[in-house]
């Protein structure tokens, strides 16, 4: 299962997804800051990795057994 939200966006979730999984979201020019959160949960005790990439650079990456969570709050450049 993968769960995510960006800024004030509604919560999104996908169940039974294949890996690797990714989503690209457009930039919002009028924001002052944007919070991002990503949660990855595996069905077994497999290793899970979440990664947030902004402008081609990994800004947050976490790996753990069964559950991995990434979150950040970036100010507008």
PDB file of N, CA and C in Angstrom:
ATOM      1  N   UNK A   1       0.833  -1.164   0.000  1.00  0.00           N
ATOM      2  CA  UNK A   1       0.000   0.000   0.000  1.00  0.00           C
ATOM      3  C   UNK A   1       0.888   1.241   0.000  1.00  0.00           C
ATOM      4  N   UNK A   2       0.487   2.239  -0.762  1.00  0.00           N
ATOM      5  CA  UNK A   2       1.208   3.504  -0.797  1.00  0.00           C
ATOM      6  C   UNK A   2       0.198   4.609  -0.526  1.00  0.00           C
ATOM      7  N   UNK A   3       0.569   5.512   0.354  1.00  0.00           N
ATOM      8  CA  UNK A   3      -0.301   6.611   0.744  1.00  0.00           C
ATOM      9  C   UNK A   3       0.503   7.899   0.654  1.00  0.00           C
ATOM     10  N   UNK A   4      -0.112   9.002   0.136  1.00  0.00           N
ATOM     11  CA  UNK A   4       0.632  10.255   0.013  1.00  0.00           C
ATOM     12  C   UNK A   4      -0.289  11.462   0.020  1.00  0.00           C
ATOM     13  N   UNK A   5       0.311  12.609   0.356  1.00  0.00           N
ATOM     14  CA  UNK A   5      -0.348  13.895   0.169  1.00  0.00           C
ATOM     15  C   UNK A   5       0.716  14.953  -0.076  1.00  0.00           C
ATOM     16  N   UNK A   6       0.312  16.027  -0.746  1.00  0.00           N
ATOM     17  CA  UNK A   6       1.203  17.151  -1.015  1.00  0.00           C
ATOM     18  C   UNK A   6       0.443  18.416  -0.680  1.00  0.00           C
ATOM     19  N   UNK A   7       1.008  19.260   0.198  1.00  0.00           N
ATOM     20  CA  UNK A   7       0.361  20.513   0.577  1.00  0.00           C
ATOM     21  C   UNK A   7      -1.001  20.273   1.188  1.00  0.00           C
ATOM     22  N   UNK A   8      -1.978  21.049   0.754  1.00  0.00           N
ATOM     23  CA  UNK A   8      -3.349  20.916   1.254  1.00  0.00           C
ATOM     24  C   UNK A   8      -4.156  19.922   0.438  1.00  0.00           C
ATOM     25  N   UNK A   9      -3.481  19.174  -0.430  1.00  0.00           N
ATOM     26  CA  UNK A   9      -4.123  18.194  -1.293  1.00  0.00           C
ATOM     27  C   UNK A   9      -4.804  17.122  -0.450  1.00  0.00           C
ATOM     28  N   UNK A  10      -5.834  16.521  -1.018  1.00  0.00           N
ATOM     29  CA  UNK A  10      -6.489  15.409  -0.346  1.00  0.00           C
ATOM     30  C   UNK A  10      -5.527  14.235  -0.213  1.00  0.00           C
ATOM     31  N   UNK A  11      -5.809  13.387   0.734  1.00  0.00           N
ATOM     32  CA  UNK A  11      -5.034  12.174   0.962  1.00  0.00           C
ATOM     33  C   UNK A  11      -5.308  11.207  -0.191  1.00  0.00           C
ATOM     34  N   UNK A  12      -4.258  10.592  -0.707  1.00  0.00           N
ATOM     35  CA  UNK A  12      -4.375   9.617  -1.788  1.00  0.00           C
ATOM     36  C   UNK A  12      -3.811   8.290  -1.314  1.00  0.00           C
ATOM     37  N   UNK A  13      -4.355   7.196  -1.861  1.00  0.00           N
ATOM     38  CA  UNK A  13      -3.879   5.883  -1.456  1.00  0.00           C
ATOM     39  C   UNK A  13      -4.049   4.898  -2.610  1.00  0.00           C
ATOM     40  N   UNK A  14      -3.055   4.030  -2.789  1.00  0.00           N
ATOM     41  CA  UNK A  14      -3.155   2.934  -3.742  1.00  0.00           C
ATOM     42  C   UNK A  14      -2.800   1.651  -3.019  1.00  0.00           C
ATOM     43  N   UNK A  15      -3.610   0.628  -3.249  1.00  0.00           N
ATOM     44  CA  UNK A  15      -3.410  -0.662  -2.597  1.00  0.00           C
ATOM     45  C   UNK A  15      -2.967  -1.670  -3.657  1.00  0.00           C
ATOM     46  N   UNK A  16      -2.134  -2.608  -3.268  1.00  0.00           N
ATOM     47  CA  UNK A  16      -1.640  -3.662  -4.151  1.00  0.00           C
ATOM     48  C   UNK A  16      -0.981  -3.094  -5.402  1.00  0.00           C
ATOM     49  N   UNK A  17       0.026  -2.280  -5.207  1.00  0.00           N
ATOM     50  CA  UNK A  17       0.767  -1.689  -6.322  1.00  0.00           C
ATOM     51  C   UNK A  17       2.037  -2.485  -6.588  1.00  0.00           C
ATOM     52  N   UNK A  18       2.473  -2.469  -7.832  1.00  0.00           N
ATOM     53  CA  UNK A  18       3.731  -3.102  -8.190  1.00  0.00           C
ATOM     54  C   UNK A  18       4.883  -2.156  -7.904  1.00  0.00           C
ATOM     55  N   UNK A  19       6.063  -2.712  -7.823  1.00  0.00           N
ATOM     56  CA  UNK A  19       7.237  -1.879  -7.586  1.00  0.00           C
ATOM     57  C   UNK A  19       8.196  -2.008  -8.755  1.00  0.00           C
ATOM     58  N   UNK A  20       8.977  -1.037  -9.060  1.00  0.00           N
ATOM     59  CA  UNK A  20       8.977   0.270  -8.385  1.00  0.00           C
ATOM     60  C   UNK A  20       7.756   1.087  -8.787  1.00  0.00           C
ATOM     61  N   UNK A  21       7.294   1.933  -7.898  1.00  0.00           N
ATOM     62  CA  UNK A  21       6.135   2.794  -8.105  1.00  0.00           C
ATOM     63  C   UNK A  21       6.607   4.230  -8.001  1.00  0.00           C
ATOM     64  N   UNK A  22       6.027   5.112  -8.811  1.00  0.00           N
ATOM     65  CA  UNK A  22       6.366   6.531  -8.694  1.00  0.00           C
ATOM     66  C   UNK A  22       5.200   7.374  -9.186  1.00  0.00           C
ATOM     67  N   UNK A  23       5.236   8.642  -8.810  1.00  0.00           N
ATOM     68  CA  UNK A  23       4.256   9.611  -9.265  1.00  0.00           C
ATOM     69  C   UNK A  23       4.983  10.941  -9.442  1.00  0.00           C
ATOM     70  N   UNK A  24       4.629  11.672 -10.477  1.00  0.00           N
ATOM     71  CA  UNK A  24       5.199  13.003 -10.711  1.00  0.00           C
ATOM     72  C   UNK A  24       4.094  14.022 -10.511  1.00  0.00           C
ATOM     73  N   UNK A  25       4.371  15.040  -9.715  1.00  0.00           N
ATOM     74  CA  UNK A  25       3.385  16.075  -9.439  1.00  0.00           C
ATOM     75  C   UNK A  25       3.900  17.413  -9.947  1.00  0.00           C
ATOM     76  N   UNK A  26       3.031  18.220 -10.554  1.00  0.00           N
ATOM     77  CA  UNK A  26       3.476  19.517 -11.062  1.00  0.00           C
ATOM     78  C   UNK A  26       3.794  20.488  -9.927  1.00  0.00           C
ATOM     79  N   UNK A  27       4.709  21.413 -10.200  1.00  0.00           N
ATOM     80  CA  UNK A  27       5.056  22.456  -9.245  1.00  0.00           C
ATOM     81  C   UNK A  27       3.906  23.453  -9.160  1.00  0.00           C
ATOM     82  N   UNK A  28       3.700  24.022  -7.992  1.00  0.00           N
ATOM     83  CA  UNK A  28       2.693  25.064  -7.790  1.00  0.00           C
ATOM     84  C   UNK A  28       3.418  26.364  -7.525  1.00  0.00           C
ATOM     85  N   UNK A  29       3.398  27.266  -8.486  1.00  0.00           N
ATOM     86  CA  UNK A  29       4.206  28.486  -8.424  1.00  0.00           C
ATOM     87  C   UNK A  29       3.779  29.448  -7.319  1.00  0.00           C
ATOM     88  N   UNK A  30       2.516  29.444  -6.912  1.00  0.00           N
ATOM     89  CA  UNK A  30       2.054  30.443  -5.949  1.00  0.00           C
ATOM     90  C   UNK A  30       2.099  29.962  -4.502  1.00  0.00           C
ATOM     91  N   UNK A  31       2.821  28.909  -4.203  1.00  0.00           N
ATOM     92  CA  UNK A  31       2.862  28.422  -2.821  1.00  0.00           C
ATOM     93  C   UNK A  31       3.953  29.139  -2.026  1.00  0.00           C
ATOM     94  N   UNK A  32       3.762  29.229  -0.727  1.00  0.00           N
ATOM     95  CA  UNK A  32       4.830  29.742   0.131  1.00  0.00           C
ATOM     96  C   UNK A  32       5.615  28.594   0.744  1.00  0.00           C
ATOM     97  N   UNK A  33       4.950  27.474   0.949  1.00  0.00           N
ATOM     98  CA  UNK A  33       5.629  26.244   1.358  1.00  0.00           C
ATOM     99  C   UNK A  33       4.716  25.084   1.031  1.00  0.00           C
ATOM    100  N   UNK A  34       5.303  23.931   0.866  1.00  0.00           N
ATOM    101  CA  UNK A  34       4.525  22.745   0.536  1.00  0.00           C
ATOM    102  C   UNK A  34       5.016  21.592   1.396  1.00  0.00           C
ATOM    103  N   UNK A  35       4.088  20.975   2.091  1.00  0.00           N
ATOM    104  CA  UNK A  35       4.405  19.778   2.861  1.00  0.00           C
ATOM    105  C   UNK A  35       4.197  18.570   1.966  1.00  0.00           C
ATOM    106  N   UNK A  36       5.070  17.588   2.116  1.00  0.00           N
ATOM    107  CA  UNK A  36       4.960  16.354   1.351  1.00  0.00           C
ATOM    108  C   UNK A  36       5.085  15.193   2.324  1.00  0.00           C
ATOM    109  N   UNK A  37       4.255  14.173   2.119  1.00  0.00           N
ATOM    110  CA  UNK A  37       4.351  12.975   2.950  1.00  0.00           C
ATOM    111  C   UNK A  37       4.090  11.751   2.094  1.00  0.00           C
ATOM    112  N   UNK A  38       4.845  10.690   2.366  1.00  0.00           N
ATOM    113  CA  UNK A  38       4.730   9.443   1.630  1.00  0.00           C
ATOM    114  C   UNK A  38       4.897   8.299   2.614  1.00  0.00           C
ATOM    115  N   UNK A  39       3.983   7.338   2.578  1.00  0.00           N
ATOM    116  CA  UNK A  39       4.028   6.168   3.461  1.00  0.00           C
ATOM    117  C   UNK A  39       3.966   4.923   2.586  1.00  0.00           C
ATOM    118  N   UNK A  40       4.904   3.996   2.789  1.00  0.00           N
ATOM    119  CA  UNK A  40       4.956   2.744   2.041  1.00  0.00           C
ATOM    120  C   UNK A  40       4.839   1.601   3.043  1.00  0.00           C
ATOM    121  N   UNK A  41       3.890   0.683   2.797  1.00  0.00           N
ATOM    122  CA  UNK A  41       3.672  -0.457   3.685  1.00  0.00           C
ATOM    123  C   UNK A  41       3.687  -1.727   2.840  1.00  0.00           C
ATOM    124  N   UNK A  42       4.476  -2.716   3.244  1.00  0.00           N
ATOM    125  CA  UNK A  42       4.519  -3.996   2.533  1.00  0.00           C
ATOM    126  C   UNK A  42       3.602  -4.998   3.219  1.00  0.00           C
ATOM    127  N   UNK A  43       3.147  -5.989   2.463  1.00  0.00           N
ATOM    128  CA  UNK A  43       2.232  -6.997   3.002  1.00  0.00           C
ATOM    129  C   UNK A  43       2.961  -7.994   3.897  1.00  0.00           C
ATOM    130  N   UNK A  44       4.207  -8.245   3.614  1.00  0.00           N
ATOM    131  CA  UNK A  44       5.000  -9.186   4.413  1.00  0.00           C
ATOM    132  C   UNK A  44       6.041  -8.383   5.185  1.00  0.00           C
ATOM    133  N   UNK A  45       7.055  -9.060   5.686  1.00  0.00           N
ATOM    134  CA  UNK A  45       8.128  -8.360   6.387  1.00  0.00           C
ATOM    135  C   UNK A  45       9.224  -7.914   5.433  1.00  0.00           C
ATOM    136  N   UNK A  46       8.838  -7.606   4.200  1.00  0.00           N
ATOM    137  CA  UNK A  46       9.800  -7.156   3.200  1.00  0.00           C
ATOM    138  C   UNK A  46      10.319  -5.773   3.547  1.00  0.00           C
ATOM    139  N   UNK A  47      11.423  -5.409   2.903  1.00  0.00           N
ATOM    140  CA  UNK A  47      11.991  -4.075   3.074  1.00  0.00           C
ATOM    141  C   UNK A  47      11.180  -3.075   2.243  1.00  0.00           C
ATOM    142  N   UNK A  48      10.882  -1.928   2.821  1.00  0.00           N
ATOM    143  CA  UNK A  48      10.141  -0.859   2.134  1.00  0.00           C
ATOM    144  C   UNK A  48      11.031   0.380   2.082  1.00  0.00           C
ATOM    145  N   UNK A  49      10.989   1.092   0.966  1.00  0.00           N
ATOM    146  CA  UNK A  49      11.743   2.332   0.809  1.00  0.00           C
ATOM    147  C   UNK A  49      10.824   3.409   0.277  1.00  0.00           C
ATOM    148  N   UNK A  50      10.893   4.593   0.865  1.00  0.00           N
ATOM    149  CA  UNK A  50      10.194   5.751   0.319  1.00  0.00           C
ATOM    150  C   UNK A  50      11.252   6.798  -0.024  1.00  0.00           C
ATOM    151  N   UNK A  51      10.959   7.588  -1.048  1.00  0.00           N
ATOM    152  CA  UNK A  51      11.933   8.585  -1.509  1.00  0.00           C
ATOM    153  C   UNK A  51      11.155   9.753  -2.098  1.00  0.00           C
ATOM    154  N   UNK A  52      11.505  10.972  -1.689  1.00  0.00           N
ATOM    155  CA  UNK A  52      10.926  12.188  -2.267  1.00  0.00           C
ATOM    156  C   UNK A  52      12.028  12.871  -3.059  1.00  0.00           C
ATOM    157  N   UNK A  53      11.745  13.143  -4.326  1.00  0.00           N
ATOM    158  CA  UNK A  53      12.716  13.777  -5.227  1.00  0.00           C
ATOM    159  C   UNK A  53      12.145  15.110  -5.681  1.00  0.00           C
ATOM    160  N   UNK A  54      12.909  16.171  -5.503  1.00  0.00           N
ATOM    161  CA  UNK A  54      12.509  17.516  -5.922  1.00  0.00           C
ATOM    162  C   UNK A  54      13.580  18.054  -6.860  1.00  0.00           C
ATOM    163  N   UNK A  55      13.160  18.476  -8.045  1.00  0.00           N
ATOM    164  CA  UNK A  55      14.091  19.009  -9.045  1.00  0.00           C
ATOM    165  C   UNK A  55      15.250  18.046  -9.318  1.00  0.00           C
ATOM    166  N   UNK A  56      14.950  16.746  -9.373  1.00  0.00           N
ATOM    167  CA  UNK A  56      15.955  15.747  -9.688  1.00  0.00           C
ATOM    168  C   UNK A  56      16.866  15.352  -8.542  1.00  0.00           C
ATOM    169  N   UNK A  57      16.660  15.920  -7.346  1.00  0.00           N
ATOM    170  CA  UNK A  57      17.500  15.612  -6.195  1.00  0.00           C
ATOM    171  C   UNK A  57      16.679  14.902  -5.120  1.00  0.00           C
ATOM    172  N   UNK A  58      17.253  13.847  -4.549  1.00  0.00           N
ATOM    173  CA  UNK A  58      16.590  13.144  -3.452  1.00  0.00           C
ATOM    174  C   UNK A  58      16.657  14.044  -2.221  1.00  0.00           C
ATOM    175  N   UNK A  59      15.499  14.425  -1.700  1.00  0.00           N
ATOM    176  CA  UNK A  59      15.454  15.292  -0.518  1.00  0.00           C
ATOM    177  C   UNK A  59      15.198  14.503   0.764  1.00  0.00           C
ATOM    178  N   UNK A  60      14.522  13.364   0.643  1.00  0.00           N
ATOM    179  CA  UNK A  60      14.265  12.487   1.793  1.00  0.00           C
ATOM    180  C   UNK A  60      14.246  11.050   1.289  1.00  0.00           C
ATOM    181  N   UNK A  61      14.891  10.158   2.027  1.00  0.00           N
ATOM    182  CA  UNK A  61      14.834   8.734   1.695  1.00  0.00           C
ATOM    183  C   UNK A  61      14.910   7.932   2.985  1.00  0.00           C
ATOM    184  N   UNK A  62      14.015   6.957   3.123  1.00  0.00           N
ATOM    185  CA  UNK A  62      13.988   6.098   4.303  1.00  0.00           C
ATOM    186  C   UNK A  62      13.756   4.660   3.859  1.00  0.00           C
ATOM    187  N   UNK A  63      14.434   3.719   4.510  1.00  0.00           N
ATOM    188  CA  UNK A  63      14.243   2.292   4.258  1.00  0.00           C
ATOM    189  C   UNK A  63      14.073   1.607   5.604  1.00  0.00           C
ATOM    190  N   UNK A  64      13.099   0.692   5.667  1.00  0.00           N
ATOM    191  CA  UNK A  64      12.824  -0.018   6.909  1.00  0.00           C
ATOM    192  C   UNK A  64      12.091  -1.315   6.575  1.00  0.00           C
ATOM    193  N   UNK A  65      12.033  -2.239   7.533  1.00  0.00           N
ATOM    194  CA  UNK A  65      11.238  -3.446   7.346  1.00  0.00           C
ATOM    195  C   UNK A  65       9.762  -3.110   7.463  1.00  0.00           C
ATOM    196  N   UNK A  66       8.979  -3.540   6.510  1.00  0.00           N
ATOM    197  CA  UNK A  66       7.524  -3.458   6.471  1.00  0.00           C
ATOM    198  C   UNK A  66       6.961  -2.060   6.232  1.00  0.00           C
ATOM    199  N   UNK A  67       7.460  -1.002   6.900  1.00  0.00           N
ATOM    200  CA  UNK A  67       6.900   0.346   6.762  1.00  0.00           C
ATOM    201  C   UNK A  67       8.023   1.371   6.621  1.00  0.00           C
ATOM    202  N   UNK A  68       7.879   2.264   5.649  1.00  0.00           N
ATOM    203  CA  UNK A  68       8.818   3.381   5.501  1.00  0.00           C
ATOM    204  C   UNK A  68       7.999   4.660   5.326  1.00  0.00           C
ATOM    205  N   UNK A  69       8.379   5.724   6.014  1.00  0.00           N
ATOM    206  CA  UNK A  69       7.662   7.006   5.942  1.00  0.00           C
ATOM    207  C   UNK A  69       8.638   8.146   5.657  1.00  0.00           C
ATOM    208  N   UNK A  70       8.262   8.994   4.703  1.00  0.00           N
ATOM    209  CA  UNK A  70       9.057  10.177   4.360  1.00  0.00           C
ATOM    210  C   UNK A  70       8.151  11.397   4.458  1.00  0.00           C
ATOM    211  N   UNK A  71       8.689  12.473   5.005  1.00  0.00           N
ATOM    212  CA  UNK A  71       7.933  13.731   5.092  1.00  0.00           C
ATOM    213  C   UNK A  71       8.895  14.892   5.060  1.00  0.00           C
ATOM    214  N   UNK A  72       8.427  16.007   4.490  1.00  0.00           N
ATOM    215  CA  UNK A  72       9.242  17.217   4.474  1.00  0.00           C
ATOM    216  C   UNK A  72       8.360  18.423   4.259  1.00  0.00           C
ATOM    217  N   UNK A  73       8.878  19.573   4.626  1.00  0.00           N
ATOM    218  CA  UNK A  73       8.221  20.850   4.402  1.00  0.00           C
ATOM    219  C   UNK A  73       9.251  21.767   3.775  1.00  0.00           C
ATOM    220  N   UNK A  74       9.070  22.119   2.508  1.00  0.00           N
ATOM    221  CA  UNK A  74      10.057  22.918   1.792  1.00  0.00           C
ATOM    222  C   UNK A  74       9.540  24.337   1.577  1.00  0.00           C
ATOM    223  N   UNK A  75      10.342  25.341   1.927  1.00  0.00           N
ATOM    224  CA  UNK A  75       9.957  26.715   1.598  1.00  0.00           C
ATOM    225  C   UNK A  75      10.077  26.960   0.115  1.00  0.00           C
ATOM    226  N   UNK A  76       9.331  27.899  -0.405  1.00  0.00           N
ATOM    227  CA  UNK A  76       9.414  28.243  -1.818  1.00  0.00           C
ATOM    228  C   UNK A  76      10.786  28.846  -2.095  1.00  0.00           C
ATOM    229  N   UNK A  77      11.447  28.377  -3.174  1.00  0.00           N
ATOM    230  CA  UNK A  77      12.784  28.917  -3.487  1.00  0.00           C
ATOM    231  C   UNK A  77      12.736  30.361  -3.922  1.00  0.00           C
TER     232      UNK A  77
END
